Amino acid sequence: MKANESTKSEKTIPLFSADDVEKNKTMAGLAYLLFFLPLITCPESEYAKFHANQSLLLWITGIAGSIILGLVPIIGWILLPFFTIALVLLGVMGLVNGLNGNAKELPFIGKYTLLK
């Protein structure tokens, strides 16, 4: 689904101009490697900022989840690799969406907004 399209089953997400999406696809994808990169290189782009926010949420979830699961003996240690795999899959989903010009929120964590 492109940035300016929407379906009834998905939550409404902000619409971005086609020019903004086309110009900042690369930065949106790179946001999943370094979340602050789009904030520095193209701070005026709402599309890149959307993906930077998604990446920041993913990063915070990863840090918090790793700390919590690392502190829980045995069960937490068993679940930690599965949690890490899930985070990598979410990161790849976000990376692909950003590079393809899609503005989809990440499942479970994407509905929150930290960067405005």
N, C-alpha and C. Protein backbone atom coordinates (compact mmCIF):
# COMPACT_ATOMS: atom_id res chain seq x y z
N MET A 1 0.85 -1.17 0.00
CA MET A 1 0.00 0.00 0.00
C MET A 1 0.89 1.24 0.00
N LYS A 2 0.63 2.15 -0.87
CA LYS A 2 1.41 3.37 -0.97
C LYS A 2 1.00 4.34 0.13
N ALA A 3 1.81 5.37 0.34
CA ALA A 3 1.60 6.31 1.44
C ALA A 3 0.27 7.04 1.35
N ASN A 4 -0.24 7.28 0.17
CA ASN A 4 -1.46 8.07 0.03
C ASN A 4 -2.72 7.20 -0.08
N GLU A 5 -2.59 5.89 0.04
CA GLU A 5 -3.73 4.99 -0.03
C GLU A 5 -4.09 4.51 1.37
N SER A 6 -5.32 4.06 1.55
CA SER A 6 -5.75 3.57 2.85
C SER A 6 -6.83 2.52 2.66
N THR A 7 -6.88 1.55 3.56
CA THR A 7 -7.96 0.57 3.54
C THR A 7 -8.77 0.73 4.81
N LYS A 8 -9.97 0.17 4.80
CA LYS A 8 -10.85 0.32 5.94
C LYS A 8 -10.36 -0.45 7.16
N SER A 9 -9.64 -1.56 6.95
CA SER A 9 -9.20 -2.38 8.06
C SER A 9 -8.01 -1.80 8.81
N GLU A 10 -7.26 -0.92 8.18
CA GLU A 10 -6.08 -0.35 8.83
C GLU A 10 -6.42 0.95 9.54
N LYS A 11 -5.69 1.21 10.61
CA LYS A 11 -5.84 2.47 11.32
C LYS A 11 -5.39 3.61 10.40
N THR A 12 -6.04 4.73 10.48
CA THR A 12 -5.68 5.86 9.65
C THR A 12 -4.32 6.40 10.08
N ILE A 13 -3.44 6.50 9.12
CA ILE A 13 -2.12 7.06 9.38
C ILE A 13 -1.98 8.33 8.57
N PRO A 14 -1.05 9.18 8.93
CA PRO A 14 -0.91 10.45 8.21
C PRO A 14 -0.60 10.23 6.74
N LEU A 15 -1.15 11.08 5.91
CA LEU A 15 -0.84 11.05 4.48
C LEU A 15 0.34 11.97 4.21
N PHE A 16 1.21 11.52 3.35
CA PHE A 16 2.40 12.29 3.02
C PHE A 16 2.36 12.66 1.55
N SER A 17 2.94 13.78 1.19
CA SER A 17 2.95 14.18 -0.21
C SER A 17 3.81 13.21 -1.01
N ALA A 18 3.43 13.00 -2.25
CA ALA A 18 4.17 12.08 -3.12
C ALA A 18 5.61 12.55 -3.30
N ASP A 19 5.81 13.86 -3.36
CA ASP A 19 7.15 14.41 -3.50
C ASP A 19 8.01 14.10 -2.27
N ASP A 20 7.42 14.26 -1.08
CA ASP A 20 8.12 13.98 0.18
C ASP A 20 8.51 12.50 0.24
N VAL A 21 7.57 11.63 -0.12
CA VAL A 21 7.84 10.19 -0.09
C VAL A 21 8.94 9.83 -1.07
N GLU A 22 8.83 10.29 -2.29
CA GLU A 22 9.80 9.94 -3.33
C GLU A 22 11.20 10.46 -2.99
N LYS A 23 11.27 11.66 -2.46
CA LYS A 23 12.55 12.29 -2.15
C LYS A 23 13.24 11.67 -0.94
N ASN A 24 12.47 11.12 0.00
CA ASN A 24 13.05 10.68 1.27
C ASN A 24 12.89 9.19 1.55
N LYS A 25 12.65 8.38 0.52
CA LYS A 25 12.53 6.93 0.70
C LYS A 25 13.78 6.33 1.33
N THR A 26 14.92 6.74 0.83
CA THR A 26 16.18 6.17 1.32
C THR A 26 16.40 6.49 2.79
N MET A 27 16.15 7.74 3.16
CA MET A 27 16.32 8.12 4.57
C MET A 27 15.32 7.39 5.47
N ALA A 28 14.11 7.17 4.96
CA ALA A 28 13.11 6.44 5.74
C ALA A 28 13.56 5.01 5.99
N GLY A 29 14.14 4.39 4.98
CA GLY A 29 14.66 3.03 5.16
C GLY A 29 15.86 2.99 6.08
N LEU A 30 16.76 3.96 5.93
CA LEU A 30 17.94 4.00 6.78
C LEU A 30 17.61 4.32 8.24
N ALA A 31 16.43 4.85 8.47
CA ALA A 31 16.01 5.14 9.85
C ALA A 31 16.01 3.88 10.71
N TYR A 32 15.81 2.72 10.09
CA TYR A 32 15.77 1.47 10.86
C TYR A 32 17.16 0.96 11.21
N LEU A 33 18.18 1.60 10.66
CA LEU A 33 19.55 1.30 11.06
C LEU A 33 20.03 2.31 12.11
N LEU A 34 19.74 3.59 11.89
CA LEU A 34 20.06 4.66 12.83
C LEU A 34 18.85 5.59 12.89
N PHE A 35 18.03 5.48 13.94
CA PHE A 35 16.76 6.19 13.97
C PHE A 35 16.89 7.70 13.85
N PHE A 36 18.01 8.27 14.28
CA PHE A 36 18.17 9.72 14.28
C PHE A 36 18.68 10.27 12.94
N LEU A 37 19.10 9.41 12.03
CA LEU A 37 19.65 9.87 10.76
C LEU A 37 18.68 10.75 9.96
N PRO A 38 17.41 10.37 9.79
CA PRO A 38 16.49 11.26 9.06
C PRO A 38 16.24 12.58 9.79
N LEU A 39 16.32 12.57 11.10
CA LEU A 39 16.09 13.79 11.88
C LEU A 39 17.21 14.80 11.62
N ILE A 40 18.39 14.33 11.29
CA ILE A 40 19.52 15.20 11.03
C ILE A 40 19.57 15.62 9.56
N THR A 41 19.38 14.66 8.66
CA THR A 41 19.56 14.93 7.23
C THR A 41 18.35 15.57 6.55
N CYS A 42 17.15 15.24 7.00
CA CYS A 42 15.96 15.82 6.36
C CYS A 42 14.89 16.09 7.43
N PRO A 43 15.14 17.05 8.32
CA PRO A 43 14.21 17.30 9.43
C PRO A 43 12.85 17.83 8.99
N GLU A 44 12.73 18.34 7.77
CA GLU A 44 11.47 18.88 7.29
C GLU A 44 10.54 17.79 6.73
N SER A 45 11.05 16.58 6.52
CA SER A 45 10.27 15.50 5.90
C SER A 45 9.40 14.79 6.94
N GLU A 46 8.10 14.89 6.77
CA GLU A 46 7.17 14.19 7.66
C GLU A 46 7.24 12.68 7.44
N TYR A 47 7.47 12.26 6.20
CA TYR A 47 7.56 10.84 5.89
C TYR A 47 8.77 10.21 6.59
N ALA A 48 9.92 10.82 6.48
CA ALA A 48 11.13 10.31 7.13
C ALA A 48 10.98 10.35 8.65
N LYS A 49 10.31 11.39 9.14
CA LYS A 49 10.09 11.51 10.59
C LYS A 49 9.17 10.39 11.09
N PHE A 50 8.17 10.02 10.28
CA PHE A 50 7.28 8.91 10.64
C PHE A 50 8.09 7.63 10.83
N HIS A 51 8.99 7.34 9.89
CA HIS A 51 9.79 6.12 10.00
C HIS A 51 10.85 6.23 11.10
N ALA A 52 11.35 7.42 11.35
CA ALA A 52 12.28 7.60 12.48
C ALA A 52 11.56 7.30 13.79
N ASN A 53 10.30 7.71 13.90
CA ASN A 53 9.50 7.42 15.09
C ASN A 53 9.29 5.92 15.25
N GLN A 54 8.96 5.24 14.15
CA GLN A 54 8.75 3.80 14.20
C GLN A 54 10.04 3.10 14.64
N SER A 55 11.16 3.54 14.13
CA SER A 55 12.44 2.96 14.49
C SER A 55 12.79 3.21 15.95
N LEU A 56 12.51 4.42 16.43
CA LEU A 56 12.77 4.73 17.83
C LEU A 56 11.93 3.85 18.75
N LEU A 57 10.67 3.64 18.40
CA LEU A 57 9.82 2.74 19.18
C LEU A 57 10.38 1.33 19.20
N LEU A 58 10.87 0.86 18.06
CA LEU A 58 11.46 -0.46 17.96
C LEU A 58 12.71 -0.56 18.83
N TRP A 59 13.53 0.48 18.79
CA TRP A 59 14.76 0.51 19.59
C TRP A 59 14.46 0.49 21.09
N ILE A 60 13.51 1.31 21.53
CA ILE A 60 13.15 1.35 22.95
C ILE A 60 12.56 0.02 23.39
N THR A 61 11.71 -0.57 22.56
CA THR A 61 11.13 -1.87 22.88
C THR A 61 12.22 -2.92 23.02
N GLY A 62 13.20 -2.88 22.13
CA GLY A 62 14.29 -3.84 22.19
C GLY A 62 15.13 -3.71 23.44
N ILE A 63 15.47 -2.48 23.81
CA ILE A 63 16.27 -2.27 25.02
C ILE A 63 15.50 -2.70 26.26
N ALA A 64 14.26 -2.22 26.39
CA ALA A 64 13.46 -2.53 27.57
C ALA A 64 13.18 -4.03 27.67
N GLY A 65 12.79 -4.64 26.54
CA GLY A 65 12.49 -6.07 26.55
C GLY A 65 13.71 -6.91 26.88
N SER A 66 14.86 -6.53 26.35
CA SER A 66 16.09 -7.28 26.63
C SER A 66 16.47 -7.19 28.11
N ILE A 67 16.32 -6.01 28.68
CA ILE A 67 16.64 -5.85 30.10
C ILE A 67 15.70 -6.69 30.95
N ILE A 68 14.41 -6.59 30.67
CA ILE A 68 13.42 -7.32 31.46
C ILE A 68 13.61 -8.83 31.31
N LEU A 69 13.73 -9.31 30.08
CA LEU A 69 13.90 -10.76 29.88
C LEU A 69 15.24 -11.24 30.41
N GLY A 70 16.25 -10.40 30.37
CA GLY A 70 17.55 -10.79 30.91
C GLY A 70 17.54 -10.92 32.43
N LEU A 71 16.65 -10.18 33.09
CA LEU A 71 16.58 -10.24 34.55
C LEU A 71 15.72 -11.40 35.06
N VAL A 72 14.85 -11.94 34.21
CA VAL A 72 13.98 -13.04 34.61
C VAL A 72 14.73 -14.35 34.38
N PRO A 73 15.02 -15.08 35.46
CA PRO A 73 15.80 -16.31 35.31
C PRO A 73 15.05 -17.36 34.49
N ILE A 74 15.76 -18.14 33.78
CA ILE A 74 15.38 -19.29 32.98
C ILE A 74 14.33 -18.98 31.92
N ILE A 75 13.12 -18.64 32.31
CA ILE A 75 12.06 -18.38 31.32
C ILE A 75 12.43 -17.17 30.47
N GLY A 76 12.89 -16.11 31.10
CA GLY A 76 13.31 -14.92 30.36
C GLY A 76 14.47 -15.22 29.44
N TRP A 77 15.40 -16.02 29.91
CA TRP A 77 16.57 -16.36 29.10
C TRP A 77 16.18 -17.22 27.90
N ILE A 78 15.17 -18.06 28.08
CA ILE A 78 14.69 -18.89 26.97
C ILE A 78 13.95 -18.03 25.95
N LEU A 79 13.18 -17.05 26.42
CA LEU A 79 12.38 -16.20 25.54
C LEU A 79 13.20 -15.13 24.82
N LEU A 80 14.34 -14.78 25.35
CA LEU A 80 15.15 -13.69 24.79
C LEU A 80 15.53 -13.88 23.32
N PRO A 81 15.96 -15.08 22.89
CA PRO A 81 16.27 -15.24 21.46
C PRO A 81 15.04 -15.05 20.56
N PHE A 82 13.88 -15.51 21.00
CA PHE A 82 12.66 -15.34 20.22
C PHE A 82 12.25 -13.87 20.14
N PHE A 83 12.45 -13.16 21.22
CA PHE A 83 12.18 -11.72 21.26
C PHE A 83 13.10 -11.00 20.28
N THR A 84 14.36 -11.38 20.26
CA THR A 84 15.33 -10.77 19.35
C THR A 84 14.97 -11.04 17.90
N ILE A 85 14.55 -12.25 17.59
CA ILE A 85 14.13 -12.59 16.22
C ILE A 85 12.92 -11.76 15.82
N ALA A 86 11.97 -11.61 16.73
CA ALA A 86 10.78 -10.80 16.45
C ALA A 86 11.16 -9.35 16.17
N LEU A 87 12.10 -8.79 16.93
CA LEU A 87 12.55 -7.42 16.70
C LEU A 87 13.24 -7.28 15.35
N VAL A 88 14.04 -8.26 14.98
CA VAL A 88 14.71 -8.21 13.68
C VAL A 88 13.68 -8.26 12.55
N LEU A 89 12.67 -9.11 12.69
CA LEU A 89 11.61 -9.18 11.68
C LEU A 89 10.85 -7.86 11.57
N LEU A 90 10.53 -7.24 12.70
CA LEU A 90 9.86 -5.94 12.67
C LEU A 90 10.75 -4.88 12.02
N GLY A 91 12.04 -4.93 12.30
CA GLY A 91 12.97 -4.00 11.69
C GLY A 91 13.06 -4.17 10.18
N VAL A 92 13.07 -5.40 9.72
CA VAL A 92 13.11 -5.66 8.28
C VAL A 92 11.80 -5.20 7.63
N MET A 93 10.67 -5.42 8.30
CA MET A 93 9.39 -4.94 7.78
C MET A 93 9.41 -3.42 7.63
N GLY A 94 9.90 -2.74 8.64
CA GLY A 94 9.97 -1.28 8.60
C GLY A 94 10.92 -0.80 7.51
N LEU A 95 12.07 -1.44 7.40
CA LEU A 95 13.04 -1.08 6.38
C LEU A 95 12.45 -1.22 4.98
N VAL A 96 11.79 -2.32 4.72
CA VAL A 96 11.18 -2.56 3.41
C VAL A 96 10.07 -1.54 3.15
N ASN A 97 9.24 -1.28 4.16
CA ASN A 97 8.18 -0.28 4.00
C ASN A 97 8.75 1.10 3.69
N GLY A 98 9.78 1.49 4.41
CA GLY A 98 10.39 2.79 4.21
C GLY A 98 10.98 2.94 2.82
N LEU A 99 11.70 1.92 2.37
CA LEU A 99 12.34 1.98 1.05
C LEU A 99 11.34 1.89 -0.09
N ASN A 100 10.19 1.25 0.15
CA ASN A 100 9.17 1.10 -0.89
C ASN A 100 8.18 2.26 -0.93
N GLY A 101 8.30 3.19 -0.01
CA GLY A 101 7.39 4.33 0.00
C GLY A 101 6.09 4.08 0.74
N ASN A 102 6.05 3.02 1.54
CA ASN A 102 4.85 2.70 2.32
C ASN A 102 4.94 3.35 3.70
N ALA A 103 3.79 3.74 4.21
CA ALA A 103 3.74 4.34 5.55
C ALA A 103 2.84 3.49 6.44
N LYS A 104 3.28 2.27 6.70
CA LYS A 104 2.53 1.37 7.57
C LYS A 104 3.15 1.38 8.96
N GLU A 105 2.31 1.37 9.95
CA GLU A 105 2.81 1.28 11.32
C GLU A 105 3.27 -0.15 11.59
N LEU A 106 4.29 -0.28 12.43
CA LEU A 106 4.75 -1.60 12.82
C LEU A 106 3.70 -2.27 13.71
N PRO A 107 3.51 -3.58 13.59
CA PRO A 107 2.54 -4.25 14.44
C PRO A 107 2.92 -4.13 15.92
N PHE A 108 1.94 -4.03 16.76
CA PHE A 108 2.05 -3.99 18.22
C PHE A 108 2.57 -2.67 18.78
N ILE A 109 3.65 -2.12 18.23
CA ILE A 109 4.27 -0.94 18.84
C ILE A 109 4.10 0.33 18.03
N GLY A 110 3.69 0.23 16.78
CA GLY A 110 3.70 1.36 15.86
C GLY A 110 2.66 2.43 16.11
N LYS A 111 1.69 2.17 16.97
CA LYS A 111 0.60 3.14 17.17
C LYS A 111 0.99 4.32 18.05
N TYR A 112 2.13 4.25 18.68
CA TYR A 112 2.56 5.32 19.58
C TYR A 112 3.41 6.35 18.83
N THR A 113 3.35 7.59 19.26
CA THR A 113 4.13 8.65 18.63
C THR A 113 5.02 9.32 19.67
N LEU A 114 6.31 9.25 19.45
CA LEU A 114 7.28 9.90 20.34
C LEU A 114 7.86 11.15 19.69
N LEU A 115 8.01 11.13 18.38
CA LEU A 115 8.58 12.26 17.64
C LEU A 115 7.47 13.00 16.92
N LYS A 116 7.39 14.28 17.14
CA LYS A 116 6.35 15.07 16.48
C LYS A 116 6.94 16.01 15.47
